[in-house]
Amino acid sequence: MINVIITDSDALAAISHERIAEYLEATGWQLQEVRRGVAAHWKVRVNNTRFKEFRKALGWDGTVWAIAPAVGKLADYVSAVQHLIETVAKVEQRSQLDVLVDLGGDLGAPQAPATYR
């Protein structure tokens, strides 16, 4: 797996909050509440080996919480989406790029190589 950190503001901003909710629900996350109409609190229980040492050492039940934007018009929408992708990638043991693609993030057309004279 290639470890990529997504920082492209345009790609992150292009992911709708509705698509985020659809993805989380389809992948086993459960919506717990929406606070102030802007922050959706989701949880999922993980059983993968990556978290096994935490479960043992801390008596942790395997529940991971994430906050997703519940509306598209937030000042920190891009950073909220980036943080959510980071969390989901860790839980799913996948790259952030894979999660971004599954969310329908637009990576844009490949750039032509620069030419120098």
N, C-alpha and C. Protein backbone atom coordinates (compact mmCIF):
# COMPACT_ATOMS: atom_id res chain seq x y z
N MET A 1 0.85 -1.18 0.00
CA MET A 1 0.00 0.00 0.00
C MET A 1 0.89 1.24 0.00
N ILE A 2 0.55 2.18 -0.83
CA ILE A 2 1.26 3.46 -0.88
C ILE A 2 0.59 4.39 0.11
N ASN A 3 1.39 4.97 1.00
CA ASN A 3 0.86 5.86 2.01
C ASN A 3 0.86 7.29 1.47
N VAL A 4 -0.31 7.78 1.10
CA VAL A 4 -0.46 9.11 0.52
C VAL A 4 -1.32 9.95 1.45
N ILE A 5 -0.96 11.20 1.63
CA ILE A 5 -1.78 12.13 2.40
C ILE A 5 -2.42 13.09 1.41
N ILE A 6 -3.73 13.12 1.41
CA ILE A 6 -4.47 13.96 0.46
C ILE A 6 -4.51 15.39 0.99
N THR A 7 -4.00 16.31 0.19
CA THR A 7 -4.00 17.73 0.58
C THR A 7 -4.62 18.63 -0.49
N ASP A 8 -5.07 18.05 -1.58
CA ASP A 8 -5.64 18.83 -2.68
C ASP A 8 -6.99 19.40 -2.27
N SER A 9 -7.02 20.70 -2.01
CA SER A 9 -8.25 21.35 -1.52
C SER A 9 -9.41 21.21 -2.49
N ASP A 10 -9.13 21.31 -3.79
CA ASP A 10 -10.20 21.20 -4.78
C ASP A 10 -10.80 19.80 -4.79
N ALA A 11 -9.94 18.78 -4.71
CA ALA A 11 -10.43 17.39 -4.70
C ALA A 11 -11.25 17.12 -3.45
N LEU A 12 -10.80 17.63 -2.31
CA LEU A 12 -11.53 17.41 -1.06
C LEU A 12 -12.85 18.17 -1.05
N ALA A 13 -12.84 19.40 -1.55
CA ALA A 13 -14.05 20.22 -1.57
C ALA A 13 -15.11 19.65 -2.52
N ALA A 14 -14.66 18.87 -3.51
CA ALA A 14 -15.59 18.32 -4.50
C ALA A 14 -16.41 17.15 -3.97
N ILE A 15 -16.05 16.62 -2.82
CA ILE A 15 -16.78 15.48 -2.25
C ILE A 15 -17.96 16.01 -1.45
N SER A 16 -19.16 15.63 -1.83
CA SER A 16 -20.35 16.15 -1.16
C SER A 16 -20.56 15.46 0.20
N HIS A 17 -21.16 16.20 1.10
CA HIS A 17 -21.46 15.61 2.42
C HIS A 17 -22.47 14.48 2.29
N GLU A 18 -23.33 14.53 1.26
CA GLU A 18 -24.28 13.43 1.04
C GLU A 18 -23.53 12.15 0.64
N ARG A 19 -22.53 12.31 -0.22
CA ARG A 19 -21.75 11.14 -0.66
C ARG A 19 -20.96 10.56 0.51
N ILE A 20 -20.45 11.40 1.37
CA ILE A 20 -19.74 10.93 2.56
C ILE A 20 -20.66 10.08 3.42
N ALA A 21 -21.87 10.56 3.67
CA ALA A 21 -22.83 9.82 4.49
C ALA A 21 -23.18 8.48 3.84
N GLU A 22 -23.39 8.48 2.52
CA GLU A 22 -23.69 7.22 1.81
C GLU A 22 -22.56 6.22 1.96
N TYR A 23 -21.34 6.69 1.80
CA TYR A 23 -20.17 5.83 1.90
C TYR A 23 -20.04 5.24 3.30
N LEU A 24 -20.13 6.10 4.30
CA LEU A 24 -19.98 5.62 5.68
C LEU A 24 -21.05 4.58 6.02
N GLU A 25 -22.28 4.86 5.65
CA GLU A 25 -23.36 3.90 5.93
C GLU A 25 -23.13 2.58 5.19
N ALA A 26 -22.71 2.66 3.94
CA ALA A 26 -22.49 1.45 3.14
C ALA A 26 -21.32 0.61 3.64
N THR A 27 -20.40 1.23 4.36
CA THR A 27 -19.22 0.51 4.84
C THR A 27 -19.31 0.16 6.33
N GLY A 28 -20.51 0.24 6.89
CA GLY A 28 -20.72 -0.25 8.25
C GLY A 28 -20.69 0.77 9.36
N TRP A 29 -20.46 2.03 9.04
CA TRP A 29 -20.49 3.06 10.07
C TRP A 29 -21.95 3.34 10.45
N GLN A 30 -22.17 3.73 11.68
CA GLN A 30 -23.52 4.03 12.15
C GLN A 30 -23.58 5.49 12.59
N LEU A 31 -24.55 6.22 12.04
CA LEU A 31 -24.75 7.61 12.43
C LEU A 31 -25.32 7.64 13.84
N GLN A 32 -24.68 8.40 14.72
CA GLN A 32 -25.13 8.49 16.10
C GLN A 32 -25.93 9.75 16.35
N GLU A 33 -25.46 10.86 15.82
CA GLU A 33 -26.19 12.12 15.97
C GLU A 33 -25.62 13.16 15.04
N VAL A 34 -26.41 14.20 14.81
CA VAL A 34 -25.94 15.36 14.06
C VAL A 34 -26.03 16.54 15.01
N ARG A 35 -24.91 17.16 15.29
CA ARG A 35 -24.87 18.27 16.24
C ARG A 35 -24.96 19.60 15.51
N ARG A 36 -25.87 20.42 16.01
CA ARG A 36 -26.08 21.77 15.49
C ARG A 36 -26.31 21.81 13.99
N GLY A 37 -26.72 20.68 13.44
CA GLY A 37 -27.01 20.60 12.02
C GLY A 37 -25.80 20.63 11.11
N VAL A 38 -24.59 20.59 11.68
CA VAL A 38 -23.40 20.69 10.84
C VAL A 38 -22.40 19.55 11.01
N ALA A 39 -22.39 18.89 12.16
CA ALA A 39 -21.40 17.84 12.42
C ALA A 39 -22.09 16.51 12.67
N ALA A 40 -21.83 15.55 11.79
CA ALA A 40 -22.42 14.22 11.94
C ALA A 40 -21.42 13.31 12.65
N HIS A 41 -21.86 12.72 13.76
CA HIS A 41 -21.00 11.83 14.55
C HIS A 41 -21.31 10.39 14.18
N TRP A 42 -20.29 9.68 13.69
CA TRP A 42 -20.41 8.30 13.22
C TRP A 42 -19.53 7.41 14.07
N LYS A 43 -19.92 6.14 14.17
CA LYS A 43 -19.04 5.18 14.84
C LYS A 43 -19.07 3.85 14.10
N VAL A 44 -17.99 3.09 14.30
CA VAL A 44 -17.86 1.77 13.73
C VAL A 44 -17.03 0.95 14.70
N ARG A 45 -17.30 -0.32 14.75
CA ARG A 45 -16.48 -1.22 15.57
C ARG A 45 -15.52 -1.96 14.64
N VAL A 46 -14.24 -1.92 14.99
CA VAL A 46 -13.22 -2.55 14.15
C VAL A 46 -12.66 -3.78 14.86
N ASN A 47 -12.35 -4.76 14.05
CA ASN A 47 -11.77 -6.00 14.56
C ASN A 47 -10.47 -6.34 13.85
N ASN A 48 -9.93 -5.40 13.08
CA ASN A 48 -8.74 -5.74 12.30
C ASN A 48 -7.49 -5.81 13.18
N THR A 49 -6.47 -6.42 12.67
CA THR A 49 -5.26 -6.67 13.45
C THR A 49 -4.50 -5.39 13.78
N ARG A 50 -4.68 -4.36 12.99
CA ARG A 50 -3.95 -3.11 13.25
C ARG A 50 -4.27 -2.55 14.65
N PHE A 51 -5.48 -2.75 15.11
CA PHE A 51 -5.89 -2.20 16.39
C PHE A 51 -5.86 -3.22 17.52
N LYS A 52 -5.41 -4.41 17.22
CA LYS A 52 -5.45 -5.49 18.21
C LYS A 52 -4.67 -5.15 19.48
N GLU A 53 -3.48 -4.55 19.33
CA GLU A 53 -2.68 -4.23 20.51
C GLU A 53 -3.35 -3.19 21.40
N PHE A 54 -4.09 -2.25 20.81
CA PHE A 54 -4.81 -1.27 21.60
C PHE A 54 -5.95 -1.92 22.38
N ARG A 55 -6.63 -2.83 21.71
CA ARG A 55 -7.74 -3.52 22.37
C ARG A 55 -7.26 -4.28 23.59
N LYS A 56 -6.13 -4.97 23.44
CA LYS A 56 -5.57 -5.75 24.54
C LYS A 56 -5.08 -4.85 25.67
N ALA A 57 -4.25 -3.91 25.34
CA ALA A 57 -3.58 -3.08 26.34
C ALA A 57 -4.54 -2.16 27.09
N LEU A 58 -5.53 -1.65 26.40
CA LEU A 58 -6.40 -0.64 27.01
C LEU A 58 -7.79 -1.16 27.38
N GLY A 59 -8.08 -2.40 27.05
CA GLY A 59 -9.42 -2.90 27.30
C GLY A 59 -10.44 -2.21 26.42
N TRP A 60 -9.99 -1.73 25.28
CA TRP A 60 -10.82 -0.98 24.34
C TRP A 60 -11.76 -1.92 23.60
N ASP A 61 -12.99 -1.50 23.39
CA ASP A 61 -13.98 -2.37 22.75
C ASP A 61 -13.94 -2.34 21.23
N GLY A 62 -13.04 -1.57 20.65
CA GLY A 62 -12.90 -1.53 19.20
C GLY A 62 -13.73 -0.49 18.51
N THR A 63 -14.40 0.38 19.25
CA THR A 63 -15.23 1.42 18.63
C THR A 63 -14.38 2.62 18.23
N VAL A 64 -14.54 3.03 16.97
CA VAL A 64 -13.86 4.22 16.46
C VAL A 64 -14.94 5.24 16.12
N TRP A 65 -14.70 6.47 16.52
CA TRP A 65 -15.62 7.57 16.23
C TRP A 65 -15.03 8.48 15.18
N ALA A 66 -15.87 9.05 14.35
CA ALA A 66 -15.44 10.02 13.35
C ALA A 66 -16.51 11.10 13.23
N ILE A 67 -16.06 12.28 12.91
CA ILE A 67 -16.98 13.41 12.69
C ILE A 67 -16.90 13.77 11.22
N ALA A 68 -18.06 13.83 10.58
CA ALA A 68 -18.15 14.19 9.16
C ALA A 68 -18.99 15.44 9.02
N PRO A 69 -18.69 16.26 8.03
CA PRO A 69 -19.55 17.42 7.81
C PRO A 69 -20.95 16.98 7.40
N ALA A 70 -21.96 17.62 7.96
CA ALA A 70 -23.35 17.29 7.64
C ALA A 70 -23.94 18.29 6.65
N VAL A 71 -23.20 19.32 6.34
CA VAL A 71 -23.59 20.32 5.35
C VAL A 71 -22.35 20.68 4.54
N GLY A 72 -22.57 21.22 3.36
CA GLY A 72 -21.45 21.55 2.49
C GLY A 72 -20.87 22.93 2.69
N LYS A 73 -21.58 23.80 3.36
CA LYS A 73 -21.15 25.18 3.50
C LYS A 73 -20.54 25.42 4.88
N LEU A 74 -19.34 24.91 5.08
CA LEU A 74 -18.63 25.12 6.34
C LEU A 74 -17.28 25.77 6.02
N ALA A 75 -16.83 26.64 6.88
CA ALA A 75 -15.54 27.29 6.66
C ALA A 75 -14.40 26.27 6.65
N ASP A 76 -14.52 25.23 7.46
CA ASP A 76 -13.45 24.23 7.54
C ASP A 76 -13.85 22.91 6.87
N TYR A 77 -14.71 22.98 5.85
CA TYR A 77 -15.20 21.77 5.17
C TYR A 77 -14.04 20.92 4.65
N VAL A 78 -13.09 21.54 3.99
CA VAL A 78 -11.98 20.80 3.39
C VAL A 78 -11.16 20.07 4.46
N SER A 79 -10.85 20.74 5.56
CA SER A 79 -10.06 20.07 6.61
C SER A 79 -10.88 18.98 7.29
N ALA A 80 -12.18 19.17 7.42
CA ALA A 80 -13.03 18.13 8.01
C ALA A 80 -13.06 16.88 7.12
N VAL A 81 -13.16 17.07 5.82
CA VAL A 81 -13.15 15.94 4.88
C VAL A 81 -11.79 15.26 4.90
N GLN A 82 -10.72 16.04 4.94
CA GLN A 82 -9.37 15.45 4.96
C GLN A 82 -9.18 14.61 6.22
N HIS A 83 -9.60 15.12 7.35
CA HIS A 83 -9.47 14.37 8.62
C HIS A 83 -10.31 13.09 8.58
N LEU A 84 -11.51 13.19 8.02
CA LEU A 84 -12.37 12.01 7.91
C LEU A 84 -11.72 10.95 7.01
N ILE A 85 -11.17 11.36 5.88
CA ILE A 85 -10.51 10.41 4.98
C ILE A 85 -9.34 9.75 5.69
N GLU A 86 -8.59 10.51 6.45
CA GLU A 86 -7.46 9.95 7.21
C GLU A 86 -7.95 8.89 8.19
N THR A 87 -9.02 9.17 8.91
CA THR A 87 -9.58 8.22 9.87
C THR A 87 -10.10 6.96 9.18
N VAL A 88 -10.88 7.13 8.13
CA VAL A 88 -11.44 5.99 7.41
C VAL A 88 -10.33 5.12 6.83
N ALA A 89 -9.30 5.74 6.28
CA ALA A 89 -8.18 4.98 5.71
C ALA A 89 -7.50 4.13 6.78
N LYS A 90 -7.32 4.67 7.96
CA LYS A 90 -6.69 3.90 9.05
C LYS A 90 -7.58 2.74 9.47
N VAL A 91 -8.86 3.00 9.61
CA VAL A 91 -9.79 1.94 10.03
C VAL A 91 -9.86 0.83 8.99
N GLU A 92 -9.92 1.21 7.71
CA GLU A 92 -10.05 0.23 6.64
C GLU A 92 -8.71 -0.35 6.20
N GLN A 93 -7.64 0.15 6.77
CA GLN A 93 -6.29 -0.29 6.40
C GLN A 93 -6.07 -0.13 4.90
N ARG A 94 -6.40 1.03 4.41
CA ARG A 94 -6.26 1.37 3.00
C ARG A 94 -5.57 2.72 2.90
N SER A 95 -5.19 3.09 1.70
CA SER A 95 -4.57 4.40 1.52
C SER A 95 -5.66 5.48 1.46
N GLN A 96 -5.26 6.70 1.80
CA GLN A 96 -6.19 7.82 1.69
C GLN A 96 -6.63 8.00 0.24
N LEU A 97 -5.74 7.72 -0.69
CA LEU A 97 -6.07 7.84 -2.11
C LEU A 97 -7.19 6.88 -2.49
N ASP A 98 -7.12 5.65 -2.00
CA ASP A 98 -8.19 4.68 -2.29
C ASP A 98 -9.53 5.15 -1.74
N VAL A 99 -9.52 5.69 -0.54
CA VAL A 99 -10.76 6.19 0.07
C VAL A 99 -11.28 7.38 -0.72
N LEU A 100 -10.39 8.29 -1.10
CA LEU A 100 -10.80 9.46 -1.89
C LEU A 100 -11.47 9.02 -3.19
N VAL A 101 -10.88 8.05 -3.87
CA VAL A 101 -11.45 7.56 -5.13
C VAL A 101 -12.83 6.95 -4.87
N ASP A 102 -12.96 6.16 -3.81
CA ASP A 102 -14.26 5.56 -3.48
C ASP A 102 -15.31 6.61 -3.16
N LEU A 103 -14.88 7.72 -2.61
CA LEU A 103 -15.80 8.82 -2.30
C LEU A 103 -16.15 9.64 -3.54
N GLY A 104 -15.48 9.33 -4.65
CA GLY A 104 -15.77 10.05 -5.89
C GLY A 104 -14.96 11.31 -6.03
N GLY A 105 -13.85 11.40 -5.31
CA GLY A 105 -13.00 12.59 -5.41
C GLY A 105 -12.42 12.74 -6.80
N ASP A 106 -12.41 13.95 -7.30
CA ASP A 106 -11.90 14.24 -8.63
C ASP A 106 -10.43 14.59 -8.52
N LEU A 107 -9.60 13.74 -9.09
CA LEU A 107 -8.17 13.99 -9.05
C LEU A 107 -7.71 14.82 -10.24
N GLY A 108 -8.62 15.15 -11.12
CA GLY A 108 -8.28 15.97 -12.27
C GLY A 108 -7.58 15.17 -13.35
N ALA A 109 -7.43 15.79 -14.47
CA ALA A 109 -6.75 15.14 -15.60
C ALA A 109 -5.25 15.16 -15.36
N PRO A 110 -4.57 14.13 -15.83
CA PRO A 110 -3.11 14.13 -15.68
C PRO A 110 -2.50 15.35 -16.35
N GLN A 111 -1.51 15.92 -15.71
CA GLN A 111 -0.85 17.10 -16.24
C GLN A 111 0.19 16.69 -17.27
N ALA A 112 0.28 17.46 -18.32
CA ALA A 112 1.32 17.23 -19.31
C ALA A 112 2.66 17.64 -18.71
N PRO A 113 3.72 16.93 -19.06
CA PRO A 113 5.02 17.31 -18.52
C PRO A 113 5.38 18.74 -18.92
N ALA A 114 6.03 19.42 -18.02
CA ALA A 114 6.45 20.79 -18.32
C ALA A 114 7.57 20.76 -19.36
N THR A 115 7.55 21.75 -20.23
CA THR A 115 8.64 21.88 -21.21
C THR A 115 9.42 23.14 -20.90
N TYR A 116 10.71 23.01 -20.95
CA TYR A 116 11.59 24.14 -20.65
C TYR A 116 12.35 24.51 -21.91
N ARG A 117 12.57 25.77 -22.13
CA ARG A 117 13.33 26.23 -23.31
C ARG A 117 14.61 26.84 -22.87
